């Protein structure tokens, strides 16, 4: 998979942020990296508000909307076109200057223009994804961090051919951020 993106944030007074992003995602076959089977162009707009509760406690509320203009090598080629709207809340607690705990809840509504599991262009489907999770992040420097996390996702759909699911995830990630 290859991803290219461009993102811009604009900070307003009172801890408001408006952001825009443009993503390009490209999926390639494992046996032949020249075999592209899916790509999408995704413009995204959103707003976020931070609430400083105490010096060590921060609440974040956000909403974003994005549209995936997709192409796949199976017909119909635009079957994965979709509109996504996401609302999220997170609470971050800084235990020490280098250790931060965070919990979150996210609700994502996705409307697919077309029902991708049927032949032809039949009317779309509606998916609802609920996500809840917790993480602990240790910041070695302002750019280098290690994060442990646990997540739970529950997806519901109105399409009889697409399964709903429940998913549990546990993991670690090491991250380095470049800012310019």
N, C-alpha and C. Protein backbone atom coordinates (compact mmCIF):
# COMPACT_ATOMS: atom_id res chain seq x y z
N UNK A 1 0.84 -1.17 0.00
CA UNK A 1 0.00 0.00 0.00
C UNK A 1 0.89 1.24 0.00
N UNK A 2 0.50 2.21 -0.77
CA UNK A 2 1.19 3.50 -0.79
C UNK A 2 0.18 4.58 -0.43
N UNK A 3 0.59 5.50 0.42
CA UNK A 3 -0.26 6.61 0.82
C UNK A 3 0.51 7.91 0.71
N UNK A 4 -0.10 8.88 0.10
CA UNK A 4 0.44 10.23 0.03
C UNK A 4 -0.64 11.15 0.55
N UNK A 5 -0.25 12.12 1.38
CA UNK A 5 -1.27 13.03 1.87
C UNK A 5 -0.69 14.41 2.12
N UNK A 6 -1.57 15.36 2.14
CA UNK A 6 -1.25 16.75 2.43
C UNK A 6 -2.30 17.24 3.41
N UNK A 7 -1.85 17.85 4.53
CA UNK A 7 -2.78 18.28 5.56
C UNK A 7 -2.43 19.69 6.00
N UNK A 8 -3.45 20.49 6.28
CA UNK A 8 -3.26 21.84 6.80
C UNK A 8 -4.21 22.05 7.97
N UNK A 9 -3.70 22.67 9.02
CA UNK A 9 -4.49 23.02 10.20
C UNK A 9 -4.49 24.54 10.34
N UNK A 10 -5.62 25.08 10.76
CA UNK A 10 -5.68 26.49 11.08
C UNK A 10 -6.17 26.62 12.52
N UNK A 11 -5.37 27.26 13.36
CA UNK A 11 -5.71 27.40 14.78
C UNK A 11 -6.44 28.71 15.02
N UNK A 12 -7.61 28.60 15.64
CA UNK A 12 -8.41 29.76 16.01
C UNK A 12 -8.27 30.01 17.51
N UNK A 13 -8.69 31.18 17.98
CA UNK A 13 -8.69 31.41 19.43
C UNK A 13 -9.60 30.42 20.16
N UNK A 14 -9.40 30.29 21.45
CA UNK A 14 -10.21 29.42 22.32
C UNK A 14 -10.07 27.94 21.97
N UNK A 15 -8.91 27.54 21.47
CA UNK A 15 -8.59 26.13 21.23
C UNK A 15 -9.45 25.46 20.15
N UNK A 16 -9.86 26.21 19.15
CA UNK A 16 -10.56 25.65 17.99
C UNK A 16 -9.54 25.43 16.88
N UNK A 17 -9.67 24.31 16.17
CA UNK A 17 -8.83 24.03 15.01
C UNK A 17 -9.72 23.57 13.86
N UNK A 18 -9.50 24.14 12.69
CA UNK A 18 -10.15 23.67 11.47
C UNK A 18 -9.05 23.04 10.62
N UNK A 19 -9.35 21.89 10.02
CA UNK A 19 -8.32 21.22 9.23
C UNK A 19 -8.88 20.71 7.92
N UNK A 20 -7.99 20.61 6.96
CA UNK A 20 -8.29 20.04 5.66
C UNK A 20 -7.18 19.07 5.30
N UNK A 21 -7.55 18.04 4.58
CA UNK A 21 -6.56 17.02 4.22
C UNK A 21 -6.95 16.44 2.87
N UNK A 22 -5.95 16.05 2.12
CA UNK A 22 -6.17 15.34 0.86
C UNK A 22 -5.28 14.11 0.88
N UNK A 23 -5.89 12.93 0.71
CA UNK A 23 -5.16 11.66 0.72
C UNK A 23 -5.27 10.98 -0.64
N UNK A 24 -4.21 10.28 -1.00
CA UNK A 24 -4.22 9.38 -2.14
C UNK A 24 -3.71 8.04 -1.62
N UNK A 25 -4.52 7.00 -1.76
CA UNK A 25 -4.16 5.65 -1.31
C UNK A 25 -4.15 4.73 -2.53
N UNK A 26 -3.14 3.87 -2.57
CA UNK A 26 -2.96 2.95 -3.70
C UNK A 26 -2.61 1.57 -3.14
N UNK A 27 -3.39 0.56 -3.53
CA UNK A 27 -3.15 -0.81 -3.08
C UNK A 27 -2.59 -1.63 -4.24
N UNK A 28 -1.50 -2.36 -3.94
CA UNK A 28 -0.81 -3.15 -4.95
C UNK A 28 -0.80 -4.62 -4.54
N UNK A 29 -0.78 -5.50 -5.53
CA UNK A 29 -0.71 -6.93 -5.26
C UNK A 29 0.62 -7.32 -4.63
N UNK A 30 0.61 -8.35 -3.78
CA UNK A 30 1.82 -8.77 -3.09
C UNK A 30 2.81 -9.46 -4.01
N UNK A 31 2.33 -10.22 -4.99
CA UNK A 31 3.23 -10.95 -5.87
C UNK A 31 3.84 -10.06 -6.94
N UNK A 32 3.10 -9.03 -7.34
CA UNK A 32 3.58 -8.15 -8.40
C UNK A 32 3.23 -6.73 -7.99
N UNK A 33 4.21 -5.98 -7.52
CA UNK A 33 3.95 -4.64 -7.01
C UNK A 33 3.51 -3.66 -8.08
N UNK A 34 3.52 -4.05 -9.34
CA UNK A 34 3.00 -3.21 -10.41
C UNK A 34 1.50 -3.43 -10.63
N UNK A 35 0.92 -4.41 -9.94
CA UNK A 35 -0.48 -4.76 -10.12
C UNK A 35 -1.35 -3.97 -9.13
N UNK A 36 -1.81 -2.80 -9.54
CA UNK A 36 -2.69 -1.98 -8.70
C UNK A 36 -4.11 -2.52 -8.81
N UNK A 37 -4.74 -2.80 -7.65
CA UNK A 37 -6.11 -3.29 -7.69
C UNK A 37 -7.11 -2.31 -7.07
N UNK A 38 -6.62 -1.24 -6.44
CA UNK A 38 -7.52 -0.23 -5.85
C UNK A 38 -6.75 1.06 -5.62
N UNK A 39 -7.43 2.19 -5.81
CA UNK A 39 -6.90 3.48 -5.34
C UNK A 39 -8.07 4.41 -5.04
N UNK A 40 -7.80 5.40 -4.21
CA UNK A 40 -8.82 6.42 -3.97
C UNK A 40 -8.17 7.77 -3.72
N UNK A 41 -8.94 8.81 -4.04
CA UNK A 41 -8.61 10.20 -3.75
C UNK A 41 -9.62 10.65 -2.70
N UNK A 42 -9.13 11.20 -1.60
CA UNK A 42 -10.02 11.51 -0.48
C UNK A 42 -9.79 12.91 0.06
N UNK A 43 -10.67 13.86 -0.26
CA UNK A 43 -10.62 15.15 0.42
C UNK A 43 -11.34 15.04 1.77
N UNK A 44 -10.84 15.77 2.75
CA UNK A 44 -11.37 15.68 4.12
C UNK A 44 -11.37 17.07 4.75
N UNK A 45 -12.45 17.39 5.48
CA UNK A 45 -12.56 18.64 6.24
C UNK A 45 -13.01 18.30 7.65
N UNK A 46 -12.51 19.08 8.62
CA UNK A 46 -12.92 18.79 9.99
C UNK A 46 -12.70 19.97 10.92
N UNK A 47 -13.24 19.82 12.12
CA UNK A 47 -13.10 20.82 13.17
C UNK A 47 -12.84 20.09 14.49
N UNK A 48 -12.02 20.70 15.33
CA UNK A 48 -11.71 20.11 16.64
C UNK A 48 -11.70 21.22 17.69
N UNK A 49 -12.16 20.88 18.87
CA UNK A 49 -12.13 21.83 20.00
C UNK A 49 -11.48 21.13 21.18
N UNK A 50 -10.50 21.79 21.79
CA UNK A 50 -9.82 21.29 22.97
C UNK A 50 -10.34 22.02 24.20
N UNK A 51 -10.56 21.26 25.27
CA UNK A 51 -11.02 21.82 26.54
C UNK A 51 -9.98 21.47 27.60
N UNK A 52 -9.27 22.48 28.08
CA UNK A 52 -8.27 22.28 29.13
C UNK A 52 -9.01 22.22 30.46
N UNK A 53 -9.13 21.03 31.05
CA UNK A 53 -9.85 20.87 32.31
C UNK A 53 -8.95 21.21 33.49
N UNK A 54 -7.74 20.68 33.45
CA UNK A 54 -6.68 21.01 34.43
C UNK A 54 -5.38 21.05 33.65
N UNK A 55 -4.30 21.37 34.34
CA UNK A 55 -3.00 21.39 33.67
C UNK A 55 -2.62 20.02 33.10
N UNK A 56 -3.11 18.95 33.70
CA UNK A 56 -2.74 17.59 33.28
C UNK A 56 -3.90 16.82 32.64
N UNK A 57 -5.02 17.49 32.34
CA UNK A 57 -6.21 16.81 31.83
C UNK A 57 -6.81 17.61 30.67
N UNK A 58 -6.98 16.95 29.51
CA UNK A 58 -7.43 17.61 28.30
C UNK A 58 -8.54 16.78 27.65
N UNK A 59 -9.64 17.43 27.31
CA UNK A 59 -10.75 16.81 26.59
C UNK A 59 -10.73 17.34 25.16
N UNK A 60 -10.88 16.45 24.20
CA UNK A 60 -10.91 16.83 22.79
C UNK A 60 -12.21 16.34 22.17
N UNK A 61 -12.87 17.21 21.41
CA UNK A 61 -14.08 16.84 20.66
C UNK A 61 -13.84 17.22 19.20
N UNK A 62 -14.16 16.32 18.28
CA UNK A 62 -13.91 16.61 16.87
C UNK A 62 -15.00 16.02 15.98
N UNK A 63 -15.10 16.59 14.80
CA UNK A 63 -15.99 16.08 13.75
C UNK A 63 -15.26 16.28 12.42
N UNK A 64 -15.31 15.24 11.57
CA UNK A 64 -14.77 15.41 10.23
C UNK A 64 -15.64 14.69 9.22
N UNK A 65 -15.53 15.13 7.99
CA UNK A 65 -16.26 14.52 6.89
C UNK A 65 -15.30 14.34 5.72
N UNK A 66 -15.45 13.24 5.01
CA UNK A 66 -14.56 12.96 3.88
C UNK A 66 -15.29 12.12 2.84
N UNK A 67 -14.86 12.26 1.59
CA UNK A 67 -15.44 11.48 0.51
C UNK A 67 -14.33 10.74 -0.21
N UNK A 68 -14.53 9.43 -0.42
CA UNK A 68 -13.56 8.58 -1.12
C UNK A 68 -14.01 8.43 -2.58
N UNK A 69 -13.26 9.04 -3.51
CA UNK A 69 -13.46 8.81 -4.93
C UNK A 69 -12.58 7.61 -5.28
N UNK A 70 -13.19 6.46 -5.51
CA UNK A 70 -12.41 5.22 -5.59
C UNK A 70 -12.40 4.63 -7.00
N UNK A 71 -11.45 3.75 -7.19
CA UNK A 71 -11.35 2.92 -8.39
C UNK A 71 -10.86 1.56 -7.95
N UNK A 72 -11.50 0.52 -8.47
CA UNK A 72 -11.04 -0.85 -8.25
C UNK A 72 -11.04 -1.57 -9.59
N UNK A 73 -10.23 -2.62 -9.70
CA UNK A 73 -10.12 -3.29 -10.99
C UNK A 73 -11.28 -4.24 -11.27
N UNK A 74 -12.16 -4.49 -10.30
CA UNK A 74 -13.37 -5.28 -10.54
C UNK A 74 -14.51 -4.34 -10.88
N UNK A 75 -15.40 -4.79 -11.74
CA UNK A 75 -16.54 -3.98 -12.13
C UNK A 75 -17.65 -4.10 -11.08
N UNK A 76 -18.37 -3.05 -10.77
CA UNK A 76 -18.19 -1.68 -11.24
C UNK A 76 -16.99 -1.02 -10.55
N UNK A 77 -16.24 -0.25 -11.31
CA UNK A 77 -14.98 0.30 -10.83
C UNK A 77 -15.13 1.30 -9.68
N UNK A 78 -16.29 1.94 -9.56
CA UNK A 78 -16.49 2.94 -8.51
C UNK A 78 -17.33 2.41 -7.34
N UNK A 79 -17.39 1.09 -7.18
CA UNK A 79 -18.24 0.47 -6.17
C UNK A 79 -17.86 0.84 -4.73
N UNK A 80 -16.63 1.29 -4.52
CA UNK A 80 -16.20 1.65 -3.17
C UNK A 80 -16.30 3.15 -2.88
N UNK A 81 -16.93 3.92 -3.77
CA UNK A 81 -17.16 5.34 -3.49
C UNK A 81 -17.99 5.46 -2.22
N UNK A 82 -17.56 6.35 -1.31
CA UNK A 82 -18.28 6.43 -0.04
C UNK A 82 -18.05 7.77 0.64
N UNK A 83 -19.01 8.12 1.48
CA UNK A 83 -18.98 9.33 2.29
C UNK A 83 -18.84 8.91 3.74
N UNK A 84 -17.88 9.46 4.47
CA UNK A 84 -17.67 9.10 5.88
C UNK A 84 -17.77 10.35 6.74
N UNK A 85 -18.50 10.23 7.84
CA UNK A 85 -18.62 11.29 8.83
C UNK A 85 -18.23 10.69 10.18
N UNK A 86 -17.33 11.38 10.89
CA UNK A 86 -16.82 10.84 12.15
C UNK A 86 -16.90 11.89 13.24
N UNK A 87 -17.45 11.49 14.39
CA UNK A 87 -17.45 12.31 15.60
C UNK A 87 -16.62 11.57 16.64
N UNK A 88 -15.78 12.31 17.38
CA UNK A 88 -14.89 11.65 18.34
C UNK A 88 -14.73 12.50 19.60
N UNK A 89 -14.56 11.80 20.71
CA UNK A 89 -14.23 12.41 22.00
C UNK A 89 -13.02 11.68 22.56
N UNK A 90 -12.09 12.42 23.14
CA UNK A 90 -10.97 11.77 23.81
C UNK A 90 -10.61 12.56 25.06
N UNK A 91 -10.11 11.84 26.03
CA UNK A 91 -9.68 12.43 27.29
C UNK A 91 -8.24 12.00 27.52
N UNK A 92 -7.33 12.99 27.66
CA UNK A 92 -5.92 12.71 27.86
C UNK A 92 -5.50 13.18 29.25
N UNK A 93 -4.75 12.29 29.93
CA UNK A 93 -4.26 12.59 31.27
C UNK A 93 -2.75 12.43 31.27
N UNK A 94 -2.04 13.48 31.65
CA UNK A 94 -0.58 13.45 31.69
C UNK A 94 -0.14 13.11 33.11
N UNK A 95 0.26 11.85 33.31
CA UNK A 95 0.67 11.39 34.63
C UNK A 95 2.02 11.99 35.03
N UNK A 96 2.96 11.99 34.09
CA UNK A 96 4.27 12.63 34.28
C UNK A 96 4.54 13.43 33.00
N UNK A 97 5.58 14.26 32.97
CA UNK A 97 5.86 15.01 31.73
C UNK A 97 6.08 14.12 30.50
N UNK A 98 6.46 12.87 30.69
CA UNK A 98 6.73 11.98 29.55
C UNK A 98 5.70 10.87 29.36
N UNK A 99 4.74 10.71 30.27
CA UNK A 99 3.78 9.61 30.20
C UNK A 99 2.36 10.15 30.15
N UNK A 100 1.62 9.78 29.06
CA UNK A 100 0.26 10.26 28.84
C UNK A 100 -0.66 9.06 28.64
N UNK A 101 -1.79 9.07 29.35
CA UNK A 101 -2.85 8.08 29.17
C UNK A 101 -3.99 8.75 28.41
N UNK A 102 -4.60 7.99 27.51
CA UNK A 102 -5.71 8.55 26.72
C UNK A 102 -6.80 7.51 26.54
N UNK A 103 -8.04 7.94 26.69
CA UNK A 103 -9.20 7.10 26.35
C UNK A 103 -9.99 7.84 25.27
N UNK A 104 -10.72 7.08 24.46
CA UNK A 104 -11.47 7.73 23.39
C UNK A 104 -12.73 6.95 23.05
N UNK A 105 -13.66 7.66 22.43
CA UNK A 105 -14.84 7.06 21.80
C UNK A 105 -15.00 7.72 20.44
N UNK A 106 -15.28 6.90 19.43
CA UNK A 106 -15.45 7.42 18.07
C UNK A 106 -16.66 6.77 17.42
N UNK A 107 -17.48 7.57 16.77
CA UNK A 107 -18.64 7.09 16.03
C UNK A 107 -18.47 7.50 14.58
N UNK A 108 -18.48 6.49 13.69
CA UNK A 108 -18.29 6.77 12.26
C UNK A 108 -19.49 6.25 11.48
N UNK A 109 -20.09 7.12 10.69
CA UNK A 109 -21.17 6.75 9.79
C UNK A 109 -20.64 6.79 8.37
N UNK A 110 -20.83 5.69 7.63
CA UNK A 110 -20.36 5.60 6.24
C UNK A 110 -21.54 5.28 5.34
N UNK A 111 -21.68 6.07 4.30
CA UNK A 111 -22.69 5.80 3.28
C UNK A 111 -21.98 5.44 1.98
N UNK A 112 -22.16 4.20 1.53
CA UNK A 112 -21.62 3.74 0.25
C UNK A 112 -22.64 4.08 -0.83
N UNK A 113 -22.19 4.73 -1.89
CA UNK A 113 -23.08 5.08 -3.00
C UNK A 113 -23.71 3.84 -3.61
N UNK A 114 -22.92 2.78 -3.67
CA UNK A 114 -23.37 1.55 -4.32
C UNK A 114 -23.16 0.39 -3.35
N UNK A 115 -24.02 -0.60 -3.45
CA UNK A 115 -23.86 -1.80 -2.66
C UNK A 115 -22.79 -2.63 -3.35
N UNK A 116 -21.61 -2.68 -2.79
CA UNK A 116 -20.45 -3.25 -3.49
C UNK A 116 -20.47 -4.76 -3.62
N UNK A 117 -21.33 -5.46 -2.88
CA UNK A 117 -21.32 -6.93 -2.96
C UNK A 117 -22.36 -7.48 -3.92
N UNK A 118 -23.09 -6.64 -4.63
CA UNK A 118 -24.05 -7.12 -5.61
C UNK A 118 -23.56 -6.71 -7.00
N UNK A 119 -24.07 -7.39 -8.00
CA UNK A 119 -23.67 -7.11 -9.37
C UNK A 119 -24.36 -5.84 -9.84
N UNK A 120 -23.62 -4.98 -10.51
CA UNK A 120 -24.19 -3.75 -11.03
C UNK A 120 -24.27 -2.67 -9.98
N UNK A 121 -24.90 -1.58 -10.34
CA UNK A 121 -25.03 -0.44 -9.44
C UNK A 121 -26.39 -0.49 -8.75
N UNK A 122 -26.47 -1.21 -7.65
CA UNK A 122 -27.69 -1.23 -6.85
C UNK A 122 -27.54 -0.18 -5.76
N UNK A 123 -28.66 0.32 -5.23
CA UNK A 123 -28.56 1.39 -4.22
C UNK A 123 -27.63 1.03 -3.06
N UNK A 124 -27.11 2.07 -2.44
CA UNK A 124 -26.05 1.96 -1.46
C UNK A 124 -26.39 1.29 -0.15
N UNK A 125 -25.44 1.42 0.76
CA UNK A 125 -25.60 0.84 2.08
C UNK A 125 -25.12 1.83 3.14
N UNK A 126 -25.57 1.60 4.36
CA UNK A 126 -25.22 2.43 5.50
C UNK A 126 -24.50 1.59 6.54
N UNK A 127 -23.33 2.05 6.96
CA UNK A 127 -22.56 1.37 8.00
C UNK A 127 -22.39 2.31 9.19
N UNK A 128 -22.37 1.73 10.37
CA UNK A 128 -22.14 2.48 11.60
C UNK A 128 -21.05 1.76 12.38
N UNK A 129 -19.97 2.47 12.70
CA UNK A 129 -18.84 1.88 13.40
C UNK A 129 -18.66 2.61 14.73
N UNK A 130 -18.75 1.88 15.82
CA UNK A 130 -18.47 2.39 17.16
C UNK A 130 -17.11 1.89 17.59
N UNK A 131 -16.26 2.80 18.06
CA UNK A 131 -14.91 2.43 18.50
C UNK A 131 -14.66 3.03 19.87
N UNK A 132 -14.05 2.25 20.74
CA UNK A 132 -13.65 2.73 22.06
C UNK A 132 -12.26 2.16 22.35
N UNK A 133 -11.42 2.93 23.03
CA UNK A 133 -10.08 2.43 23.29
C UNK A 133 -9.34 3.24 24.33
N UNK A 134 -8.19 2.70 24.69
CA UNK A 134 -7.30 3.35 25.66
C UNK A 134 -5.87 3.17 25.18
N UNK A 135 -5.02 4.13 25.56
CA UNK A 135 -3.60 4.01 25.22
C UNK A 135 -2.76 4.64 26.32
N UNK A 136 -1.51 4.22 26.35
CA UNK A 136 -0.49 4.83 27.21
C UNK A 136 0.69 5.15 26.30
N UNK A 137 1.14 6.41 26.32
CA UNK A 137 2.24 6.84 25.45
C UNK A 137 3.38 7.38 26.31
N UNK A 138 4.58 6.93 25.96
CA UNK A 138 5.77 7.43 26.64
C UNK A 138 6.58 8.22 25.60
N UNK A 139 6.88 9.48 25.92
CA UNK A 139 7.60 10.37 25.00
C UNK A 139 9.07 10.44 25.42
N UNK A 140 9.93 9.77 24.64
CA UNK A 140 11.37 9.83 24.87
C UNK A 140 11.88 11.23 24.59
N UNK A 141 11.37 11.82 23.48
CA UNK A 141 11.66 13.21 23.10
C UNK A 141 10.34 13.79 22.59
N UNK A 142 10.35 15.04 22.17
CA UNK A 142 9.11 15.62 21.62
C UNK A 142 8.72 14.97 20.30
N UNK A 143 9.65 14.29 19.63
CA UNK A 143 9.37 13.66 18.35
C UNK A 143 9.28 12.14 18.41
N UNK A 144 9.88 11.50 19.40
CA UNK A 144 9.95 10.04 19.48
C UNK A 144 9.09 9.54 20.64
N UNK A 145 8.16 8.61 20.32
CA UNK A 145 7.29 8.08 21.37
C UNK A 145 6.99 6.60 21.14
N UNK A 146 6.62 5.94 22.22
CA UNK A 146 6.19 4.55 22.21
C UNK A 146 4.79 4.50 22.81
N UNK A 147 3.88 3.81 22.12
CA UNK A 147 2.48 3.78 22.56
C UNK A 147 2.00 2.34 22.65
N UNK A 148 1.34 2.01 23.76
CA UNK A 148 0.64 0.73 23.92
C UNK A 148 -0.85 1.05 23.88
N UNK A 149 -1.64 0.20 23.22
CA UNK A 149 -3.06 0.51 23.07
C UNK A 149 -3.92 -0.75 23.08
N UNK A 150 -5.19 -0.55 23.41
CA UNK A 150 -6.22 -1.57 23.29
C UNK A 150 -7.46 -0.89 22.73
N UNK A 151 -8.10 -1.53 21.74
CA UNK A 151 -9.26 -0.96 21.05
C UNK A 151 -10.36 -2.01 20.92
N UNK A 152 -11.59 -1.54 20.88
CA UNK A 152 -12.74 -2.39 20.56
C UNK A 152 -13.56 -1.68 19.51
N UNK A 153 -13.90 -2.39 18.42
CA UNK A 153 -14.73 -1.86 17.35
C UNK A 153 -15.95 -2.74 17.16
N UNK A 154 -17.09 -2.10 16.90
CA UNK A 154 -18.33 -2.83 16.57
C UNK A 154 -18.94 -2.16 15.35
N UNK A 155 -19.07 -2.92 14.27
CA UNK A 155 -19.64 -2.39 13.03
C UNK A 155 -21.01 -3.01 12.78
N UNK A 156 -21.97 -2.14 12.44
CA UNK A 156 -23.31 -2.58 12.06
C UNK A 156 -23.58 -2.05 10.65
N UNK A 157 -24.36 -2.79 9.87
CA UNK A 157 -24.67 -2.38 8.51
C UNK A 157 -26.10 -2.76 8.17
N UNK A 158 -26.71 -2.06 7.22
CA UNK A 158 -28.05 -2.42 6.77
C UNK A 158 -28.02 -3.31 5.54
N UNK A 159 -26.85 -3.75 5.13
CA UNK A 159 -26.69 -4.62 3.96
C UNK A 159 -26.64 -6.07 4.42
N UNK A 160 -27.56 -6.89 3.95
CA UNK A 160 -27.62 -8.30 4.34
C UNK A 160 -26.42 -9.11 3.84
N UNK A 161 -25.74 -8.62 2.79
CA UNK A 161 -24.60 -9.35 2.23
C UNK A 161 -23.26 -8.96 2.84
N UNK A 162 -23.26 -7.93 3.69
CA UNK A 162 -22.03 -7.46 4.32
C UNK A 162 -22.11 -7.77 5.81
N UNK A 163 -21.16 -8.50 6.35
CA UNK A 163 -21.27 -8.87 7.76
C UNK A 163 -20.98 -7.71 8.71
N UNK A 164 -21.73 -7.68 9.79
CA UNK A 164 -21.38 -6.82 10.91
C UNK A 164 -20.26 -7.53 11.66
N UNK A 165 -19.53 -6.82 12.50
CA UNK A 165 -18.44 -7.48 13.21
C UNK A 165 -18.12 -6.78 14.53
N UNK A 166 -17.38 -7.50 15.35
CA UNK A 166 -16.80 -6.99 16.59
C UNK A 166 -15.31 -7.32 16.51
N UNK A 167 -14.47 -6.37 16.88
CA UNK A 167 -13.03 -6.56 16.74
C UNK A 167 -12.32 -6.00 17.96
N UNK A 168 -11.38 -6.76 18.48
CA UNK A 168 -10.53 -6.33 19.59
C UNK A 168 -9.10 -6.22 19.07
N UNK A 169 -8.41 -5.14 19.42
CA UNK A 169 -7.03 -4.96 18.99
C UNK A 169 -6.18 -4.56 20.19
N UNK A 170 -4.97 -5.11 20.23
CA UNK A 170 -3.98 -4.76 21.24
C UNK A 170 -2.67 -4.59 20.50
N UNK A 171 -1.88 -3.58 20.86
CA UNK A 171 -0.63 -3.42 20.14
C UNK A 171 0.29 -2.37 20.72
N UNK A 172 1.42 -2.24 20.04
CA UNK A 172 2.44 -1.24 20.35
C UNK A 172 2.78 -0.52 19.06
N UNK A 173 3.11 0.76 19.19
CA UNK A 173 3.66 1.43 18.02
C UNK A 173 4.72 2.43 18.44
N UNK A 174 5.75 2.46 17.63
CA UNK A 174 6.87 3.37 17.84
C UNK A 174 6.74 4.44 16.76
N UNK A 175 6.80 5.70 17.17
CA UNK A 175 6.51 6.78 16.23
C UNK A 175 7.58 7.86 16.31
N UNK A 176 7.94 8.39 15.14
CA UNK A 176 8.84 9.53 15.06
C UNK A 176 8.18 10.57 14.18
N UNK A 177 8.06 11.80 14.66
CA UNK A 177 7.35 12.87 13.95
C UNK A 177 8.34 13.91 13.44
N UNK A 178 8.22 14.22 12.14
CA UNK A 178 9.00 15.29 11.53
C UNK A 178 8.09 16.50 11.38
N UNK A 179 8.54 17.64 11.83
CA UNK A 179 7.76 18.87 11.68
C UNK A 179 8.60 19.90 10.94
N UNK A 180 7.96 20.58 10.01
CA UNK A 180 8.66 21.65 9.29
C UNK A 180 7.67 22.70 8.86
